[in-house]
Amino acid sequence: MISLTRMDATEFVLNSDHILFLESTPDTVITLVSGVRLMVRDAVSDVVAKTVAFRRKQFEGVALHGAAAPPAAIEG
């Protein structure tokens, strides 16, 4: 989840997994996989940086705790 700012200065949190693509028109327009379009004050580069930071944070948790080990083979 990333924090962004709408054009009216209100903040909201967006699930970055739902971003289909970003445009700079010159305002930043985010198109979601649902087809919904959002215009935000944040620059495209800032949205990308926030998304990368969020994903990096998620993967750091995996690296620290390791992936779940596969179940042991049943000997018979």
PDB file of N, CA and C in Angstrom:
ATOM      1  N   MET A   1       0.854  -1.173   0.000  1.00  0.00           N
ATOM      2  CA  MET A   1       0.000   0.000   0.000  1.00  0.00           C
ATOM      3  C   MET A   1       0.900   1.237   0.000  1.00  0.00           C
ATOM      4  N   ILE A   2       0.516   2.215  -0.808  1.00  0.00           N
ATOM      5  CA  ILE A   2       1.295   3.441  -0.891  1.00  0.00           C
ATOM      6  C   ILE A   2       0.392   4.641  -0.618  1.00  0.00           C
ATOM      7  N   SER A   3       0.948   5.660   0.039  1.00  0.00           N
ATOM      8  CA  SER A   3       0.200   6.884   0.337  1.00  0.00           C
ATOM      9  C   SER A   3       0.379   7.872  -0.800  1.00  0.00           C
ATOM     10  N   LEU A   4      -0.736   8.411  -1.269  1.00  0.00           N
ATOM     11  CA  LEU A   4      -0.725   9.383  -2.349  1.00  0.00           C
ATOM     12  C   LEU A   4      -1.616  10.559  -1.981  1.00  0.00           C
ATOM     13  N   THR A   5      -1.541  11.626  -2.785  1.00  0.00           N
ATOM     14  CA  THR A   5      -2.331  12.827  -2.520  1.00  0.00           C
ATOM     15  C   THR A   5      -3.188  13.160  -3.732  1.00  0.00           C
ATOM     16  N   ARG A   6      -4.489  13.265  -3.512  1.00  0.00           N
ATOM     17  CA  ARG A   6      -5.409  13.664  -4.576  1.00  0.00           C
ATOM     18  C   ARG A   6      -5.171  15.131  -4.944  1.00  0.00           C
ATOM     19  N   MET A   7      -5.746  15.573  -6.030  1.00  0.00           N
ATOM     20  CA  MET A   7      -5.581  16.945  -6.485  1.00  0.00           C
ATOM     21  C   MET A   7      -6.161  17.955  -5.485  1.00  0.00           C
ATOM     22  N   ASP A   8      -7.154  17.528  -4.673  1.00  0.00           N
ATOM     23  CA  ASP A   8      -7.751  18.433  -3.672  1.00  0.00           C
ATOM     24  C   ASP A   8      -6.993  18.398  -2.343  1.00  0.00           C
ATOM     25  N   ALA A   9      -5.799  17.798  -2.352  1.00  0.00           N
ATOM     26  CA  ALA A   9      -4.875  17.731  -1.203  1.00  0.00           C
ATOM     27  C   ALA A   9      -5.257  16.696  -0.150  1.00  0.00           C
ATOM     28  N   THR A  10      -6.276  15.894  -0.391  1.00  0.00           N
ATOM     29  CA  THR A  10      -6.589  14.829   0.561  1.00  0.00           C
ATOM     30  C   THR A  10      -5.679  13.631   0.274  1.00  0.00           C
ATOM     31  N   GLU A  11      -5.275  12.994   1.348  1.00  0.00           N
ATOM     32  CA  GLU A  11      -4.399  11.831   1.214  1.00  0.00           C
ATOM     33  C   GLU A  11      -5.219  10.553   1.211  1.00  0.00           C
ATOM     34  N   PHE A  12      -4.718   9.555   0.502  1.00  0.00           N
ATOM     35  CA  PHE A  12      -5.357   8.244   0.494  1.00  0.00           C
ATOM     36  C   PHE A  12      -4.276   7.192   0.299  1.00  0.00           C
ATOM     37  N   VAL A  13      -4.650   5.957   0.554  1.00  0.00           N
ATOM     38  CA  VAL A  13      -3.721   4.840   0.416  1.00  0.00           C
ATOM     39  C   VAL A  13      -4.215   3.951  -0.709  1.00  0.00           C
ATOM     40  N   LEU A  14      -3.308   3.576  -1.593  1.00  0.00           N
ATOM     41  CA  LEU A  14      -3.655   2.787  -2.767  1.00  0.00           C
ATOM     42  C   LEU A  14      -2.918   1.457  -2.727  1.00  0.00           C
ATOM     43  N   ASN A  15      -3.619   0.398  -3.050  1.00  0.00           N
ATOM     44  CA  ASN A  15      -2.986  -0.904  -3.201  1.00  0.00           C
ATOM     45  C   ASN A  15      -2.255  -0.884  -4.541  1.00  0.00           C
ATOM     46  N   SER A  16      -0.933  -0.822  -4.494  1.00  0.00           N
ATOM     47  CA  SER A  16      -0.146  -0.661  -5.716  1.00  0.00           C
ATOM     48  C   SER A  16      -0.238  -1.873  -6.646  1.00  0.00           C
ATOM     49  N   ASP A  17      -0.731  -2.994  -6.149  1.00  0.00           N
ATOM     50  CA  ASP A  17      -0.924  -4.170  -7.010  1.00  0.00           C
ATOM     51  C   ASP A  17      -2.006  -3.922  -8.058  1.00  0.00           C
ATOM     52  N   HIS A  18      -2.820  -2.902  -7.859  1.00  0.00           N
ATOM     53  CA  HIS A  18      -3.923  -2.612  -8.773  1.00  0.00           C
ATOM     54  C   HIS A  18      -3.567  -1.604  -9.867  1.00  0.00           C
ATOM     55  N   ILE A  19      -2.311  -1.114  -9.861  1.00  0.00           N
ATOM     56  CA  ILE A  19      -1.905  -0.142 -10.879  1.00  0.00           C
ATOM     57  C   ILE A  19      -1.630  -0.861 -12.195  1.00  0.00           C
ATOM     58  N   LEU A  20      -2.307  -0.420 -13.251  1.00  0.00           N
ATOM     59  CA  LEU A  20      -2.069  -0.955 -14.590  1.00  0.00           C
ATOM     60  C   LEU A  20      -0.985  -0.141 -15.278  1.00  0.00           C
ATOM     61  N   PHE A  21      -1.144   1.198 -15.281  1.00  0.00           N
ATOM     62  CA  PHE A  21      -0.086   2.051 -15.798  1.00  0.00           C
ATOM     63  C   PHE A  21      -0.237   3.474 -15.284  1.00  0.00           C
ATOM     64  N   LEU A  22       0.854   4.245 -15.446  1.00  0.00           N
ATOM     65  CA  LEU A  22       0.915   5.636 -15.013  1.00  0.00           C
ATOM     66  C   LEU A  22       1.149   6.521 -16.225  1.00  0.00           C
ATOM     67  N   GLU A  23       0.562   7.728 -16.184  1.00  0.00           N
ATOM     68  CA  GLU A  23       0.766   8.700 -17.259  1.00  0.00           C
ATOM     69  C   GLU A  23       1.073  10.061 -16.647  1.00  0.00           C
ATOM     70  N   SER A  24       1.870  10.834 -17.352  1.00  0.00           N
ATOM     71  CA  SER A  24       2.124  12.212 -16.969  1.00  0.00           C
ATOM     72  C   SER A  24       1.564  13.079 -18.087  1.00  0.00           C
ATOM     73  N   THR A  25       0.452  13.791 -17.811  1.00  0.00           N
ATOM     74  CA  THR A  25      -0.309  14.427 -18.905  1.00  0.00           C
ATOM     75  C   THR A  25      -0.539  15.928 -18.783  1.00  0.00           C
ATOM     76  N   PRO A  26       0.053  16.828 -18.150  1.00  0.00           N
ATOM     77  CA  PRO A  26       1.222  16.755 -17.281  1.00  0.00           C
ATOM     78  C   PRO A  26       0.896  16.309 -15.865  1.00  0.00           C
ATOM     79  N   ASP A  27      -0.397  16.284 -15.482  1.00  0.00           N
ATOM     80  CA  ASP A  27      -0.735  15.738 -14.161  1.00  0.00           C
ATOM     81  C   ASP A  27      -0.540  14.233 -14.195  1.00  0.00           C
ATOM     82  N   THR A  28      -0.314  13.651 -13.036  1.00  0.00           N
ATOM     83  CA  THR A  28      -0.133  12.205 -12.963  1.00  0.00           C
ATOM     84  C   THR A  28      -1.489  11.525 -12.931  1.00  0.00           C
ATOM     85  N   VAL A  29      -1.698  10.630 -13.883  1.00  0.00           N
ATOM     86  CA  VAL A  29      -2.935   9.859 -13.967  1.00  0.00           C
ATOM     87  C   VAL A  29      -2.582   8.390 -13.778  1.00  0.00           C
ATOM     88  N   ILE A  30      -3.248   7.758 -12.817  1.00  0.00           N
ATOM     89  CA  ILE A  30      -3.041   6.340 -12.529  1.00  0.00           C
ATOM     90  C   ILE A  30      -4.250   5.595 -13.056  1.00  0.00           C
ATOM     91  N   THR A  31      -4.013   4.617 -13.911  1.00  0.00           N
ATOM     92  CA  THR A  31      -5.098   3.768 -14.386  1.00  0.00           C
ATOM     93  C   THR A  31      -4.975   2.428 -13.666  1.00  0.00           C
ATOM     94  N   LEU A  32      -6.065   2.025 -13.028  1.00  0.00           N
ATOM     95  CA  LEU A  32      -6.091   0.769 -12.283  1.00  0.00           C
ATOM     96  C   LEU A  32      -6.550  -0.362 -13.191  1.00  0.00           C
ATOM     97  N   VAL A  33      -6.295  -1.590 -12.783  1.00  0.00           N
ATOM     98  CA  VAL A  33      -6.697  -2.741 -13.592  1.00  0.00           C
ATOM     99  C   VAL A  33      -8.214  -2.787 -13.789  1.00  0.00           C
ATOM    100  N   SER A  34      -8.963  -2.158 -12.915  1.00  0.00           N
ATOM    101  CA  SER A  34     -10.424  -2.114 -13.026  1.00  0.00           C
ATOM    102  C   SER A  34     -10.890  -1.096 -14.067  1.00  0.00           C
ATOM    103  N   GLY A  35      -9.955  -0.256 -14.568  1.00  0.00           N
ATOM    104  CA  GLY A  35     -10.311   0.781 -15.513  1.00  0.00           C
ATOM    105  C   GLY A  35     -10.517   2.138 -14.859  1.00  0.00           C
ATOM    106  N   VAL A  36     -10.572   2.178 -13.534  1.00  0.00           N
ATOM    107  CA  VAL A  36     -10.719   3.441 -12.809  1.00  0.00           C
ATOM    108  C   VAL A  36      -9.447   4.261 -13.011  1.00  0.00           C
ATOM    109  N   ARG A  37      -9.635   5.565 -13.238  1.00  0.00           N
ATOM    110  CA  ARG A  37      -8.502   6.466 -13.409  1.00  0.00           C
ATOM    111  C   ARG A  37      -8.476   7.449 -12.252  1.00  0.00           C
ATOM    112  N   LEU A  38      -7.286   7.638 -11.668  1.00  0.00           N
ATOM    113  CA  LEU A  38      -7.101   8.553 -10.556  1.00  0.00           C
ATOM    114  C   LEU A  38      -6.080   9.611 -10.946  1.00  0.00           C
ATOM    115  N   MET A  39      -6.358  10.875 -10.631  1.00  0.00           N
ATOM    116  CA  MET A  39      -5.398  11.940 -10.857  1.00  0.00           C
ATOM    117  C   MET A  39      -4.829  12.332  -9.498  1.00  0.00           C
ATOM    118  N   VAL A  40      -3.509  12.371  -9.397  1.00  0.00           N
ATOM    119  CA  VAL A  40      -2.861  12.660  -8.122  1.00  0.00           C
ATOM    120  C   VAL A  40      -1.830  13.772  -8.281  1.00  0.00           C
ATOM    121  N   ARG A  41      -1.471  14.384  -7.147  1.00  0.00           N
ATOM    122  CA  ARG A  41      -0.455  15.434  -7.131  1.00  0.00           C
ATOM    123  C   ARG A  41       0.953  14.851  -7.252  1.00  0.00           C
ATOM    124  N   ASP A  42       1.131  13.622  -6.821  1.00  0.00           N
ATOM    125  CA  ASP A  42       2.456  12.997  -6.818  1.00  0.00           C
ATOM    126  C   ASP A  42       2.959  12.821  -8.252  1.00  0.00           C
ATOM    127  N   ALA A  43       4.249  13.054  -8.450  1.00  0.00           N
ATOM    128  CA  ALA A  43       4.857  12.851  -9.762  1.00  0.00           C
ATOM    129  C   ALA A  43       4.922  11.357 -10.076  1.00  0.00           C
ATOM    130  N   VAL A  44       4.947  11.018 -11.362  1.00  0.00           N
ATOM    131  CA  VAL A  44       5.047   9.612 -11.769  1.00  0.00           C
ATOM    132  C   VAL A  44       6.260   8.961 -11.103  1.00  0.00           C
ATOM    133  N   SER A  45       7.383   9.657 -11.101  1.00  0.00           N
ATOM    134  CA  SER A  45       8.601   9.088 -10.499  1.00  0.00           C
ATOM    135  C   SER A  45       8.421   8.818  -9.005  1.00  0.00           C
ATOM    136  N   ASP A  46       7.642   9.655  -8.311  1.00  0.00           N
ATOM    137  CA  ASP A  46       7.373   9.435  -6.887  1.00  0.00           C
ATOM    138  C   ASP A  46       6.481   8.213  -6.669  1.00  0.00           C
ATOM    139  N   VAL A  47       5.477   8.045  -7.527  1.00  0.00           N
ATOM    140  CA  VAL A  47       4.591   6.872  -7.416  1.00  0.00           C
ATOM    141  C   VAL A  47       5.406   5.602  -7.650  1.00  0.00           C
ATOM    142  N   VAL A  48       6.273   5.637  -8.650  1.00  0.00           N
ATOM    143  CA  VAL A  48       7.132   4.477  -8.923  1.00  0.00           C
ATOM    144  C   VAL A  48       8.047   4.219  -7.728  1.00  0.00           C
ATOM    145  N   ALA A  49       8.687   5.258  -7.193  1.00  0.00           N
ATOM    146  CA  ALA A  49       9.596   5.091  -6.051  1.00  0.00           C
ATOM    147  C   ALA A  49       8.875   4.529  -4.826  1.00  0.00           C
ATOM    148  N   LYS A  50       7.665   5.013  -4.567  1.00  0.00           N
ATOM    149  CA  LYS A  50       6.895   4.510  -3.424  1.00  0.00           C
ATOM    150  C   LYS A  50       6.517   3.044  -3.627  1.00  0.00           C
ATOM    151  N   THR A  51       6.162   2.694  -4.853  1.00  0.00           N
ATOM    152  CA  THR A  51       5.801   1.305  -5.162  1.00  0.00           C
ATOM    153  C   THR A  51       7.009   0.390  -5.003  1.00  0.00           C
ATOM    154  N   VAL A  52       8.147   0.813  -5.517  1.00  0.00           N
ATOM    155  CA  VAL A  52       9.374   0.016  -5.391  1.00  0.00           C
ATOM    156  C   VAL A  52       9.757  -0.148  -3.920  1.00  0.00           C
ATOM    157  N   ALA A  53       9.680   0.927  -3.151  1.00  0.00           N
ATOM    158  CA  ALA A  53      10.012   0.855  -1.724  1.00  0.00           C
ATOM    159  C   ALA A  53       9.072  -0.100  -0.994  1.00  0.00           C
ATOM    160  N   PHE A  54       7.786  -0.043  -1.319  1.00  0.00           N
ATOM    161  CA  PHE A  54       6.817  -0.939  -0.687  1.00  0.00           C
ATOM    162  C   PHE A  54       7.122  -2.399  -1.027  1.00  0.00           C
ATOM    163  N   ARG A  55       7.390  -2.677  -2.303  1.00  0.00           N
ATOM    164  CA  ARG A  55       7.685  -4.054  -2.716  1.00  0.00           C
ATOM    165  C   ARG A  55       8.987  -4.539  -2.095  1.00  0.00           C
ATOM    166  N   ARG A  56       9.990  -3.670  -2.040  1.00  0.00           N
ATOM    167  CA  ARG A  56      11.269  -4.042  -1.426  1.00  0.00           C
ATOM    168  C   ARG A  56      11.056  -4.422   0.041  1.00  0.00           C
ATOM    169  N   LYS A  57      10.224  -3.649   0.724  1.00  0.00           N
ATOM    170  CA  LYS A  57       9.920  -3.923   2.135  1.00  0.00           C
ATOM    171  C   LYS A  57       9.249  -5.285   2.282  1.00  0.00           C
ATOM    172  N   GLN A  58       8.347  -5.625   1.355  1.00  0.00           N
ATOM    173  CA  GLN A  58       7.686  -6.926   1.397  1.00  0.00           C
ATOM    174  C   GLN A  58       8.701  -8.054   1.218  1.00  0.00           C
ATOM    175  N   PHE A  59       9.595  -7.908   0.253  1.00  0.00           N
ATOM    176  CA  PHE A  59      10.558  -8.964  -0.027  1.00  0.00           C
ATOM    177  C   PHE A  59      11.634  -9.069   1.039  1.00  0.00           C
ATOM    178  N   GLU A  60      11.933  -7.979   1.748  1.00  0.00           N
ATOM    179  CA  GLU A  60      12.884  -8.048   2.851  1.00  0.00           C
ATOM    180  C   GLU A  60      12.352  -8.982   3.926  1.00  0.00           C
ATOM    181  N   GLY A  61      11.050  -8.951   4.169  1.00  0.00           N
ATOM    182  CA  GLY A  61      10.446  -9.850   5.149  1.00  0.00           C
ATOM    183  C   GLY A  61      10.624 -11.298   4.758  1.00  0.00           C
ATOM    184  N   VAL A  62      10.506 -11.581   3.471  1.00  0.00           N
ATOM    185  CA  VAL A  62      10.701 -12.951   2.981  1.00  0.00           C
ATOM    186  C   VAL A  62      12.149 -13.352   3.154  1.00  0.00           C
ATOM    187  N   ALA A  63      13.069 -12.442   2.835  1.00  0.00           N
ATOM    188  CA  ALA A  63      14.494 -12.748   2.938  1.00  0.00           C
ATOM    189  C   ALA A  63      14.901 -12.970   4.394  1.00  0.00           C
ATOM    190  N   LEU A  64      14.335 -12.200   5.309  1.00  0.00           N
ATOM    191  CA  LEU A  64      14.692 -12.331   6.723  1.00  0.00           C
ATOM    192  C   LEU A  64      14.136 -13.608   7.337  1.00  0.00           C
ATOM    193  N   HIS A  65      12.924 -13.948   6.981  1.00  0.00           N
ATOM    194  CA  HIS A  65      12.266 -15.095   7.598  1.00  0.00           C
ATOM    195  C   HIS A  65      12.337 -16.343   6.740  1.00  0.00           C
ATOM    196  N   GLY A  66      12.771 -16.191   5.515  1.00  0.00           N
ATOM    197  CA  GLY A  66      12.884 -17.334   4.616  1.00  0.00           C
ATOM    198  C   GLY A  66      11.529 -17.799   4.128  1.00  0.00           C
ATOM    199  N   ALA A  67      11.560 -18.445   3.008  1.00  0.00           N
ATOM    200  CA  ALA A  67      10.327 -19.030   2.471  1.00  0.00           C
ATOM    201  C   ALA A  67       9.977 -20.256   3.288  1.00  0.00           C
ATOM    202  N   ALA A  68       8.725 -20.599   3.290  1.00  0.00           N
ATOM    203  CA  ALA A  68       8.296 -21.782   4.017  1.00  0.00           C
ATOM    204  C   ALA A  68       9.005 -23.010   3.454  1.00  0.00           C
ATOM    205  N   ALA A  69       9.524 -23.822   4.316  1.00  0.00           N
ATOM    206  CA  ALA A  69      10.229 -25.022   3.881  1.00  0.00           C
ATOM    207  C   ALA A  69       9.212 -26.041   3.377  1.00  0.00           C
ATOM    208  N   PRO A  70       9.567 -26.783   2.335  1.00  0.00           N
ATOM    209  CA  PRO A  70       8.647 -27.815   1.852  1.00  0.00           C
ATOM    210  C   PRO A  70       8.480 -28.912   2.904  1.00  0.00           C
ATOM    211  N   PRO A  71       7.322 -29.544   2.949  1.00  0.00           N
ATOM    212  CA  PRO A  71       7.120 -30.600   3.947  1.00  0.00           C
ATOM    213  C   PRO A  71       8.102 -31.746   3.712  1.00  0.00           C
ATOM    214  N   ALA A  72       8.501 -32.360   4.810  1.00  0.00           N
ATOM    215  CA  ALA A  72       9.439 -33.481   4.724  1.00  0.00           C
ATOM    216  C   ALA A  72       8.779 -34.658   4.023  1.00  0.00           C
ATOM    217  N   ALA A  73       9.562 -35.383   3.268  1.00  0.00           N
ATOM    218  CA  ALA A  73       9.015 -36.565   2.566  1.00  0.00           C
ATOM    219  C   ALA A  73       8.609 -37.613   3.588  1.00  0.00           C
ATOM    220  N   ILE A  74       7.504 -38.274   3.309  1.00  0.00           N
ATOM    221  CA  ILE A  74       7.032 -39.334   4.200  1.00  0.00           C
ATOM    222  C   ILE A  74       7.746 -40.633   3.829  1.00  0.00           C
ATOM    223  N   GLU A  75       8.416 -41.169   4.811  1.00  0.00           N
ATOM    224  CA  GLU A  75       9.131 -42.424   4.557  1.00  0.00           C
ATOM    225  C   GLU A  75       8.192 -43.587   4.847  1.00  0.00           C
ATOM    226  N   GLY A  76       8.241 -44.547   3.975  1.00  0.00           N
ATOM    227  CA  GLY A  76       7.298 -45.619   4.174  1.00  0.00           C
ATOM    228  C   GLY A  76       7.867 -46.938   4.160  1.00  0.00           C
TER     229      GLY A  76
END
